C-alpha atoms as a PDB file:
ATOM      1  CA  UNK A   1     -11.489  55.752 -41.713  1.00  0.00           C
ATOM      2  CA  UNK A   2     -13.569  58.742 -40.967  1.00  0.00           C
ATOM      3  CA  UNK A   3     -17.341  58.216 -40.425  1.00  0.00           C
ATOM      4  CA  UNK A   4     -19.654  59.847 -42.834  1.00  0.00           C
ATOM      5  CA  UNK A   5     -21.008  63.187 -41.983  1.00  0.00           C
ATOM      6  CA  UNK A   6     -24.643  63.594 -41.158  1.00  0.00           C
ATOM      7  CA  UNK A   7     -26.325  67.122 -41.410  1.00  0.00           C
ATOM      8  CA  UNK A   8     -28.014  68.259 -38.384  1.00  0.00           C
ATOM      9  CA  UNK A   9     -31.750  68.625 -38.244  1.00  0.00           C
ATOM     10  CA  UNK A  10     -33.767  71.538 -36.929  1.00  0.00           C
ATOM     11  CA  UNK A  11     -35.855  70.750 -33.852  1.00  0.00           C
ATOM     12  CA  UNK A  12     -39.428  69.852 -34.662  1.00  0.00           C
ATOM     13  CA  UNK A  13     -40.707  66.994 -37.117  1.00  0.00           C
ATOM     14  CA  UNK A  14     -38.221  66.204 -39.629  1.00  0.00           C
ATOM     15  CA  UNK A  15     -39.383  65.993 -43.138  1.00  0.00           C
ATOM     16  CA  UNK A  16     -39.267  62.641 -44.745  1.00  0.00           C
ATOM     17  CA  UNK A  17     -36.168  61.809 -46.792  1.00  0.00           C
ATOM     18  CA  UNK A  18     -36.404  60.200 -50.026  1.00  0.00           C
ATOM     19  CA  UNK A  19     -34.113  57.099 -50.118  1.00  0.00           C
ATOM     20  CA  UNK A  20     -32.115  56.023 -53.528  1.00  0.00           C
ATOM     21  CA  UNK A  21     -30.080  52.911 -53.860  1.00  0.00           C
ATOM     22  CA  UNK A  22     -26.957  53.299 -56.155  1.00  0.00           C
ATOM     23  CA  UNK A  23     -25.187  50.167 -57.310  1.00  0.00           C
ATOM     24  CA  UNK A  24     -21.381  50.218 -58.002  1.00  0.00           C
ATOM     25  CA  UNK A  25     -21.054  47.435 -60.664  1.00  0.00           C
ATOM     26  CA  UNK A  26     -17.603  46.406 -62.006  1.00  0.00           C
ATOM     27  CA  UNK A  27     -14.568  44.193 -62.127  1.00  0.00           C
ATOM     28  CA  UNK A  28     -11.990  43.605 -59.397  1.00  0.00           C
ATOM     29  CA  UNK A  29      -9.747  46.611 -59.275  1.00  0.00           C
ATOM     30  CA  UNK A  30     -12.300  48.766 -61.358  1.00  0.00           C
ATOM     31  CA  UNK A  31     -12.274  51.435 -58.446  1.00  0.00           C
ATOM     32  CA  UNK A  32     -15.545  50.753 -56.780  1.00  0.00           C
ATOM     33  CA  UNK A  33     -14.211  50.728 -53.302  1.00  0.00           C
ATOM     34  CA  UNK A  34     -12.022  53.819 -53.651  1.00  0.00           C
ATOM     35  CA  UNK A  35     -15.004  55.757 -55.020  1.00  0.00           C
ATOM     36  CA  UNK A  36     -17.310  54.720 -52.384  1.00  0.00           C
ATOM     37  CA  UNK A  37     -14.930  55.285 -49.616  1.00  0.00           C
ATOM     38  CA  UNK A  38     -14.456  58.904 -51.022  1.00  0.00           C
ATOM     39  CA  UNK A  39     -18.202  59.624 -51.292  1.00  0.00           C
ATOM     40  CA  UNK A  40     -19.306  58.285 -47.801  1.00  0.00           C
ATOM     41  CA  UNK A  41     -16.110  58.778 -45.789  1.00  0.00           C
ATOM     42  CA  UNK A  42     -14.247  61.574 -47.893  1.00  0.00           C
ATOM     43  CA  UNK A  43     -11.137  59.029 -47.730  1.00  0.00           C
ATOM     44  CA  UNK A  44     -10.197  57.006 -50.942  1.00  0.00           C
ATOM     45  CA  UNK A  45      -8.092  54.592 -49.069  1.00  0.00           C
ATOM     46  CA  UNK A  46      -9.518  51.003 -49.487  1.00  0.00           C
ATOM     47  CA  UNK A  47      -9.552  48.545 -46.607  1.00  0.00           C
ATOM     48  CA  UNK A  48      -6.937  45.690 -46.571  1.00  0.00           C
ATOM     49  CA  UNK A  49      -9.533  43.264 -45.574  1.00  0.00           C
ATOM     50  CA  UNK A  50     -10.087  40.464 -48.158  1.00  0.00           C
ATOM     51  CA  UNK A  51     -13.253  41.159 -50.397  1.00  0.00           C
ATOM     52  CA  UNK A  52     -15.863  38.622 -50.207  1.00  0.00           C
ATOM     53  CA  UNK A  53     -18.197  38.632 -53.122  1.00  0.00           C
ATOM     54  CA  UNK A  54     -20.852  36.742 -51.465  1.00  0.00           C
ATOM     55  CA  UNK A  55     -21.471  39.653 -49.068  1.00  0.00           C
ATOM     56  CA  UNK A  56     -23.381  42.728 -49.986  1.00  0.00           C
ATOM     57  CA  UNK A  57     -21.231  45.719 -49.268  1.00  0.00           C
ATOM     58  CA  UNK A  58     -23.542  48.364 -48.343  1.00  0.00           C
ATOM     59  CA  UNK A  59     -22.796  51.928 -47.248  1.00  0.00           C
ATOM     60  CA  UNK A  60     -24.999  54.805 -46.587  1.00  0.00           C
ATOM     61  CA  UNK A  61     -24.466  58.606 -46.793  1.00  0.00           C
ATOM     62  CA  UNK A  62     -26.535  61.872 -47.404  1.00  0.00           C
ATOM     63  CA  UNK A  63     -26.595  64.181 -50.337  1.00  0.00           C
ATOM     64  CA  UNK A  64     -28.577  67.461 -50.828  1.00  0.00           C
ATOM     65  CA  UNK A  65     -30.401  67.605 -54.255  1.00  0.00           C
ATOM     66  CA  UNK A  66     -31.745  71.177 -54.494  1.00  0.00           C
ATOM     67  CA  UNK A  67     -33.283  71.944 -51.026  1.00  0.00           C
ATOM     68  CA  UNK A  68     -33.988  68.263 -50.424  1.00  0.00           C
ATOM     69  CA  UNK A  69     -31.595  66.088 -48.400  1.00  0.00           C
ATOM     70  CA  UNK A  70     -31.773  62.508 -49.730  1.00  0.00           C
ATOM     71  CA  UNK A  71     -30.424  59.325 -48.273  1.00  0.00           C
ATOM     72  CA  UNK A  72     -28.121  57.480 -50.653  1.00  0.00           C
ATOM     73  CA  UNK A  73     -27.398  53.736 -50.042  1.00  0.00           C
ATOM     74  CA  UNK A  74     -24.283  52.652 -52.067  1.00  0.00           C
ATOM     75  CA  UNK A  75     -23.798  49.010 -52.739  1.00  0.00           C
ATOM     76  CA  UNK A  76     -20.710  47.618 -54.420  1.00  0.00           C
ATOM     77  CA  UNK A  77     -21.032  44.366 -56.624  1.00  0.00           C
ATOM     78  CA  UNK A  78     -18.039  42.664 -58.081  1.00  0.00           C
ATOM     79  CA  UNK A  79     -18.455  40.977 -61.383  1.00  0.00           C
ATOM     80  CA  UNK A  80     -17.860  37.290 -60.945  1.00  0.00           C
ATOM     81  CA  UNK A  81     -19.508  34.952 -63.110  1.00  0.00           C
ATOM     82  CA  UNK A  82     -19.603  32.009 -60.355  1.00  0.00           C
ATOM     83  CA  UNK A  83     -21.665  34.491 -58.111  1.00  0.00           C
ATOM     84  CA  UNK A  84     -23.975  35.680 -60.844  1.00  0.00           C
ATOM     85  CA  UNK A  85     -26.959  34.345 -58.664  1.00  0.00           C
ATOM     86  CA  UNK A  86     -26.590  37.268 -56.305  1.00  0.00           C
ATOM     87  CA  UNK A  87     -26.734  40.079 -59.252  1.00  0.00           C
ATOM     88  CA  UNK A  88     -30.299  39.921 -60.101  1.00  0.00           C
ATOM     89  CA  UNK A  89     -31.740  41.086 -56.666  1.00  0.00           C
ATOM     90  CA  UNK A  90     -29.286  43.748 -56.312  1.00  0.00           C
ATOM     91  CA  UNK A  91     -29.721  45.354 -59.762  1.00  0.00           C
ATOM     92  CA  UNK A  92     -33.401  45.052 -59.183  1.00  0.00           C
ATOM     93  CA  UNK A  93     -33.431  46.905 -56.165  1.00  0.00           C
ATOM     94  CA  UNK A  94     -31.126  49.820 -57.755  1.00  0.00           C
ATOM     95  CA  UNK A  95     -32.511  53.098 -58.706  1.00  0.00           C
ATOM     96  CA  UNK A  96     -29.379  54.051 -60.415  1.00  0.00           C
ATOM     97  CA  UNK A  97     -26.445  51.903 -61.672  1.00  0.00           C
ATOM     98  CA  UNK A  98     -22.684  52.852 -62.308  1.00  0.00           C
ATOM     99  CA  UNK A  99     -20.835  50.582 -64.472  1.00  0.00           C
ATOM    100  CA  UNK A 100     -17.137  51.262 -63.529  1.00  0.00           C
ATOM    101  CA  UNK A 101     -13.837  50.576 -64.967  1.00  0.00           C
ATOM    102  CA  UNK A 102     -10.398  51.732 -64.374  1.00  0.00           C
ATOM    103  CA  UNK A 103      -8.714  53.783 -66.988  1.00  0.00           C
ATOM    104  CA  UNK A 104      -5.580  51.588 -66.403  1.00  0.00           C
ATOM    105  CA  UNK A 105      -7.437  48.194 -66.754  1.00  0.00           C
ATOM    106  CA  UNK A 106      -8.434  47.233 -70.333  1.00  0.00           C
ATOM    107  CA  UNK A 107      -9.902  43.894 -68.584  1.00  0.00           C
ATOM    108  CA  UNK A 108     -12.187  45.933 -66.277  1.00  0.00           C
ATOM    109  CA  UNK A 109     -13.266  47.885 -69.278  1.00  0.00           C
ATOM    110  CA  UNK A 110     -14.016  44.720 -71.496  1.00  0.00           C
ATOM    111  CA  UNK A 111     -16.832  43.303 -69.199  1.00  0.00           C
ATOM    112  CA  UNK A 112     -18.938  46.385 -69.238  1.00  0.00           C
ATOM    113  CA  UNK A 113     -21.033  45.171 -72.182  1.00  0.00           C
ATOM    114  CA  UNK A 114     -21.799  41.886 -70.328  1.00  0.00           C
ATOM    115  CA  UNK A 115     -22.620  43.987 -67.061  1.00  0.00           C
ATOM    116  CA  UNK A 116     -25.068  46.083 -69.336  1.00  0.00           C
ATOM    117  CA  UNK A 117     -26.643  42.888 -70.802  1.00  0.00           C
ATOM    118  CA  UNK A 118     -27.443  41.628 -67.097  1.00  0.00           C
ATOM    119  CA  UNK A 119     -28.576  45.076 -66.243  1.00  0.00           C
ATOM    120  CA  UNK A 120     -31.046  45.098 -69.106  1.00  0.00           C
ATOM    121  CA  UNK A 121     -32.065  41.486 -68.189  1.00  0.00           C
ATOM    122  CA  UNK A 122     -33.413  42.480 -65.137  1.00  0.00           C
ATOM    123  CA  UNK A 123     -34.714  46.094 -65.708  1.00  0.00           C
ATOM    124  CA  UNK A 124     -36.227  45.833 -69.222  1.00  0.00           C
ATOM    125  CA  UNK A 125     -39.044  43.011 -68.592  1.00  0.00           C
ATOM    126  CA  UNK A 126     -39.915  44.610 -65.255  1.00  0.00           C
ATOM    127  CA  UNK A 127     -40.314  48.047 -67.093  1.00  0.00           C
ATOM    128  CA  UNK A 128     -38.044  49.506 -64.698  1.00  0.00           C
ATOM    129  CA  UNK A 129     -36.131  52.786 -65.678  1.00  0.00           C
ATOM    130  CA  UNK A 130     -32.802  52.312 -66.912  1.00  0.00           C
ATOM    131  CA  UNK A 131     -30.621  55.270 -65.118  1.00  0.00           C
ATOM    132  CA  UNK A 132     -26.932  53.908 -65.797  1.00  0.00           C
ATOM    133  CA  UNK A 133     -23.719  55.775 -66.079  1.00  0.00           C
ATOM    134  CA  UNK A 134     -20.294  54.277 -67.635  1.00  0.00           C
ATOM    135  CA  UNK A 135     -17.556  55.803 -65.298  1.00  0.00           C
ATOM    136  CA  UNK A 136     -13.832  55.469 -65.635  1.00  0.00           C
ATOM    137  CA  UNK A 137     -11.881  55.647 -62.373  1.00  0.00           C
ATOM    138  CA  UNK A 138      -8.424  56.617 -61.345  1.00  0.00           C
ATOM    139  CA  UNK A 139      -8.209  59.454 -63.621  1.00  0.00           C
ATOM    140  CA  UNK A 140      -5.154  60.980 -61.740  1.00  0.00           C
ATOM    141  CA  UNK A 141      -3.241  58.123 -62.919  1.00  0.00           C
ATOM    142  CA  UNK A 142      -2.884  59.704 -66.620  1.00  0.00           C
ATOM    143  CA  UNK A 143       0.550  58.252 -67.131  1.00  0.00           C
ATOM    144  CA  UNK A 144      -0.808  54.732 -66.657  1.00  0.00           C
ATOM    145  CA  UNK A 145      -3.783  54.985 -68.721  1.00  0.00           C
ATOM    146  CA  UNK A 146      -4.649  52.164 -71.010  1.00  0.00           C
ATOM    147  CA  UNK A 147      -8.309  52.786 -71.814  1.00  0.00           C
ATOM    148  CA  UNK A 148      -8.840  56.111 -74.044  1.00  0.00           C
ATOM    149  CA  UNK A 149     -11.330  58.622 -73.103  1.00  0.00           C
ATOM    150  CA  UNK A 150     -12.823  58.309 -76.366  1.00  0.00           C
ATOM    151  CA  UNK A 151     -13.363  54.643 -76.186  1.00  0.00           C
ATOM    152  CA  UNK A 152     -15.383  55.180 -72.808  1.00  0.00           C
ATOM    153  CA  UNK A 153     -17.447  57.873 -74.626  1.00  0.00           C
ATOM    154  CA  UNK A 154     -18.072  55.601 -77.525  1.00  0.00           C
ATOM    155  CA  UNK A 155     -19.239  52.552 -75.517  1.00  0.00           C
ATOM    156  CA  UNK A 156     -21.279  54.897 -73.358  1.00  0.00           C
ATOM    157  CA  UNK A 157     -22.908  56.359 -76.324  1.00  0.00           C
ATOM    158  CA  UNK A 158     -23.428  52.907 -77.844  1.00  0.00           C
ATOM    159  CA  UNK A 159     -25.300  51.648 -74.431  1.00  0.00           C
ATOM    160  CA  UNK A 160     -27.180  54.939 -74.360  1.00  0.00           C
ATOM    161  CA  UNK A 161     -25.610  55.730 -71.001  1.00  0.00           C
ATOM    162  CA  UNK A 162     -23.939  58.683 -69.647  1.00  0.00           C
ATOM    163  CA  UNK A 163     -20.281  58.852 -69.368  1.00  0.00           C
ATOM    164  CA  UNK A 164     -17.554  60.612 -67.021  1.00  0.00           C
ATOM    165  CA  UNK A 165     -14.331  60.125 -65.679  1.00  0.00           C
ATOM    166  CA  UNK A 166     -13.403  60.605 -62.018  1.00  0.00           C
ATOM    167  CA  UNK A 167     -10.484  60.261 -59.496  1.00  0.00           C
ATOM    168  CA  UNK A 168     -11.329  59.104 -55.907  1.00  0.00           C
ATOM    169  CA  UNK A 169      -7.811  60.297 -54.730  1.00  0.00           C
ATOM    170  CA  UNK A 170      -8.269  63.870 -56.058  1.00  0.00           C
ATOM    171  CA  UNK A 171     -12.141  63.937 -55.337  1.00  0.00           C
ATOM    172  CA  UNK A 172     -12.575  64.887 -59.041  1.00  0.00           C
ATOM    173  CA  UNK A 173     -16.390  64.121 -60.285  1.00  0.00           C
ATOM    174  CA  UNK A 174     -17.136  61.971 -57.283  1.00  0.00           C
ATOM    175  CA  UNK A 175     -20.102  63.906 -55.602  1.00  0.00           C
ATOM    176  CA  UNK A 176     -21.439  65.403 -58.725  1.00  0.00           C
ATOM    177  CA  UNK A 177     -21.400  62.188 -60.343  1.00  0.00           C
ATOM    178  CA  UNK A 178     -23.997  60.709 -57.750  1.00  0.00           C
ATOM    179  CA  UNK A 179     -25.786  63.969 -57.664  1.00  0.00           C
ATOM    180  CA  UNK A 180     -26.393  64.063 -61.272  1.00  0.00           C
ATOM    181  CA  UNK A 181     -27.368  60.253 -61.317  1.00  0.00           C
ATOM    182  CA  UNK A 182     -30.033  60.991 -58.763  1.00  0.00           C
ATOM    183  CA  UNK A 183     -31.279  63.828 -60.487  1.00  0.00           C
ATOM    184  CA  UNK A 184     -31.735  61.878 -63.759  1.00  0.00           C
ATOM    185  CA  UNK A 185     -33.679  59.263 -61.690  1.00  0.00           C
ATOM    186  CA  UNK A 186     -35.836  62.066 -60.263  1.00  0.00           C
ATOM    187  CA  UNK A 187     -36.613  63.407 -63.643  1.00  0.00           C
ATOM    188  CA  UNK A 188     -36.999  59.846 -65.206  1.00  0.00           C
ATOM    189  CA  UNK A 189     -39.497  59.051 -62.486  1.00  0.00           C
ATOM    190  CA  UNK A 190     -41.595  62.047 -62.919  1.00  0.00           C
ATOM    191  CA  UNK A 191     -41.647  61.504 -66.603  1.00  0.00           C
ATOM    192  CA  UNK A 192     -42.717  57.922 -65.981  1.00  0.00           C
ATOM    193  CA  UNK A 193     -45.560  58.916 -63.777  1.00  0.00           C
ATOM    194  CA  UNK A 194     -46.712  61.495 -66.406  1.00  0.00           C
ATOM    195  CA  UNK A 195     -46.926  58.740 -69.102  1.00  0.00           C
ATOM    196  CA  UNK A 196     -48.595  56.360 -66.530  1.00  0.00           C
ATOM    197  CA  UNK A 197     -51.394  59.167 -65.933  1.00  0.00           C
ATOM    198  CA  UNK A 198     -51.729  59.715 -69.551  1.00  0.00           C
ATOM    199  CA  UNK A 199     -52.227  55.999 -70.267  1.00  0.00           C
ATOM    200  CA  UNK A 200     -54.769  55.700 -67.271  1.00  0.00           C
ATOM    201  CA  UNK A 201     -56.686  58.739 -68.589  1.00  0.00           C
ATOM    202  CA  UNK A 202     -56.751  57.024 -72.040  1.00  0.00           C
ATOM    203  CA  UNK A 203     -58.053  53.921 -70.660  1.00  0.00           C
ATOM    204  CA  UNK A 204     -60.473  55.596 -68.854  1.00  0.00           C
ATOM    205  CA  UNK A 205     -61.734  57.477 -71.834  1.00  0.00           C
ATOM    206  CA  UNK A 206     -61.789  54.235 -73.888  1.00  0.00           C
ATOM    207  CA  UNK A 207     -63.790  52.401 -71.269  1.00  0.00           C
ATOM    208  CA  UNK A 208     -66.386  55.437 -70.969  1.00  0.00           C
ATOM    209  CA  UNK A 209     -66.641  55.272 -74.717  1.00  0.00           C
ATOM    210  CA  UNK A 210     -67.106  51.306 -74.803  1.00  0.00           C
ATOM    211  CA  UNK A 211     -69.855  51.718 -72.059  1.00  0.00           C
ATOM    212  CA  UNK A 212     -71.664  54.576 -73.803  1.00  0.00           C
ATOM    213  CA  UNK A 213     -71.748  52.581 -77.260  1.00  0.00           C
ATOM    214  CA  UNK A 214     -73.005  49.446 -75.273  1.00  0.00           C
ATOM    215  CA  UNK A 215     -75.700  51.596 -73.442  1.00  0.00           C
ATOM    216  CA  UNK A 216     -76.674  52.922 -76.922  1.00  0.00           C
ATOM    217  CA  UNK A 217     -77.152  49.524 -78.239  1.00  0.00           C
ATOM    218  CA  UNK A 218     -79.056  48.367 -75.143  1.00  0.00           C
ATOM    219  CA  UNK A 219     -81.508  51.416 -75.353  1.00  0.00           C
ATOM    220  CA  UNK A 220     -82.080  50.712 -79.147  1.00  0.00           C
ATOM    221  CA  UNK A 221     -82.771  47.190 -78.618  1.00  0.00           C
ATOM    222  CA  UNK A 222     -85.306  47.952 -75.796  1.00  0.00           C
ATOM    223  CA  UNK A 223     -86.862  50.524 -78.004  1.00  0.00           C
ATOM    224  CA  UNK A 224     -87.386  48.195 -80.811  1.00  0.00           C
ATOM    225  CA  UNK A 225     -88.889  45.441 -78.300  1.00  0.00           C
ATOM    226  CA  UNK A 226     -91.291  48.168 -77.166  1.00  0.00           C
ATOM    227  CA  UNK A 227     -92.117  48.911 -80.756  1.00  0.00           C
ATOM    228  CA  UNK A 228     -92.847  45.279 -81.593  1.00  0.00           C
ATOM    229  CA  UNK A 229     -94.764  44.834 -78.597  1.00  0.00           C
ATOM    230  CA  UNK A 230     -97.092  47.848 -79.263  1.00  0.00           C
ATOM    231  CA  UNK A 231     -97.592  46.683 -82.837  1.00  0.00           C
ATOM    232  CA  UNK A 232     -98.964  43.304 -81.676  1.00  0.00           C
ATOM    233  CA  UNK A 233    -101.423  44.873 -79.422  1.00  0.00           C
END
């Protein structure tokens, strides 16, 4: 299998690259490995080695977003109830998550809502941004399709996620899928920072107002004490 290509960096101090963890989450046979191999190695073929769900399958590649080259770490996670203890740390560390199913497999599609529930269980309490896409793989196998495009779109809308279909074999929508997800993460984080800054300014203003009122009360009390002492002399 081909090694991932790395862009050359000119001589001198290279700019620091931002790193993004992207999680491919889906059932067995949902197309995770083929998609990962196409994006990282430009080869959709899947290894014949047996899959071990107890191991983190992580692969790194580079994607240019605008003028910035980003390091993208792609992690595959197979949905298996008996290994559910592995899910939480991987979901927590993910910047963006792709819920994958094969358009040829209703079974892989049927578990997506359960996967979404797991993601929310981890991300929402920690106030982590939810950057999630629903993706139907193997779109080149149209003659074997068993999940309608409309059903995928409807689920994505219900979960408030983005939606697309792609083909690792033909390279359709593979790279652009990752690029668009990372763009959403970047924009979302910028908006989150703006909101945090606004909340911080509001808290600072409220604290200053409380201090001002408190100081005003203290000054009035002191003034009254002076008046009383003056009257007694």
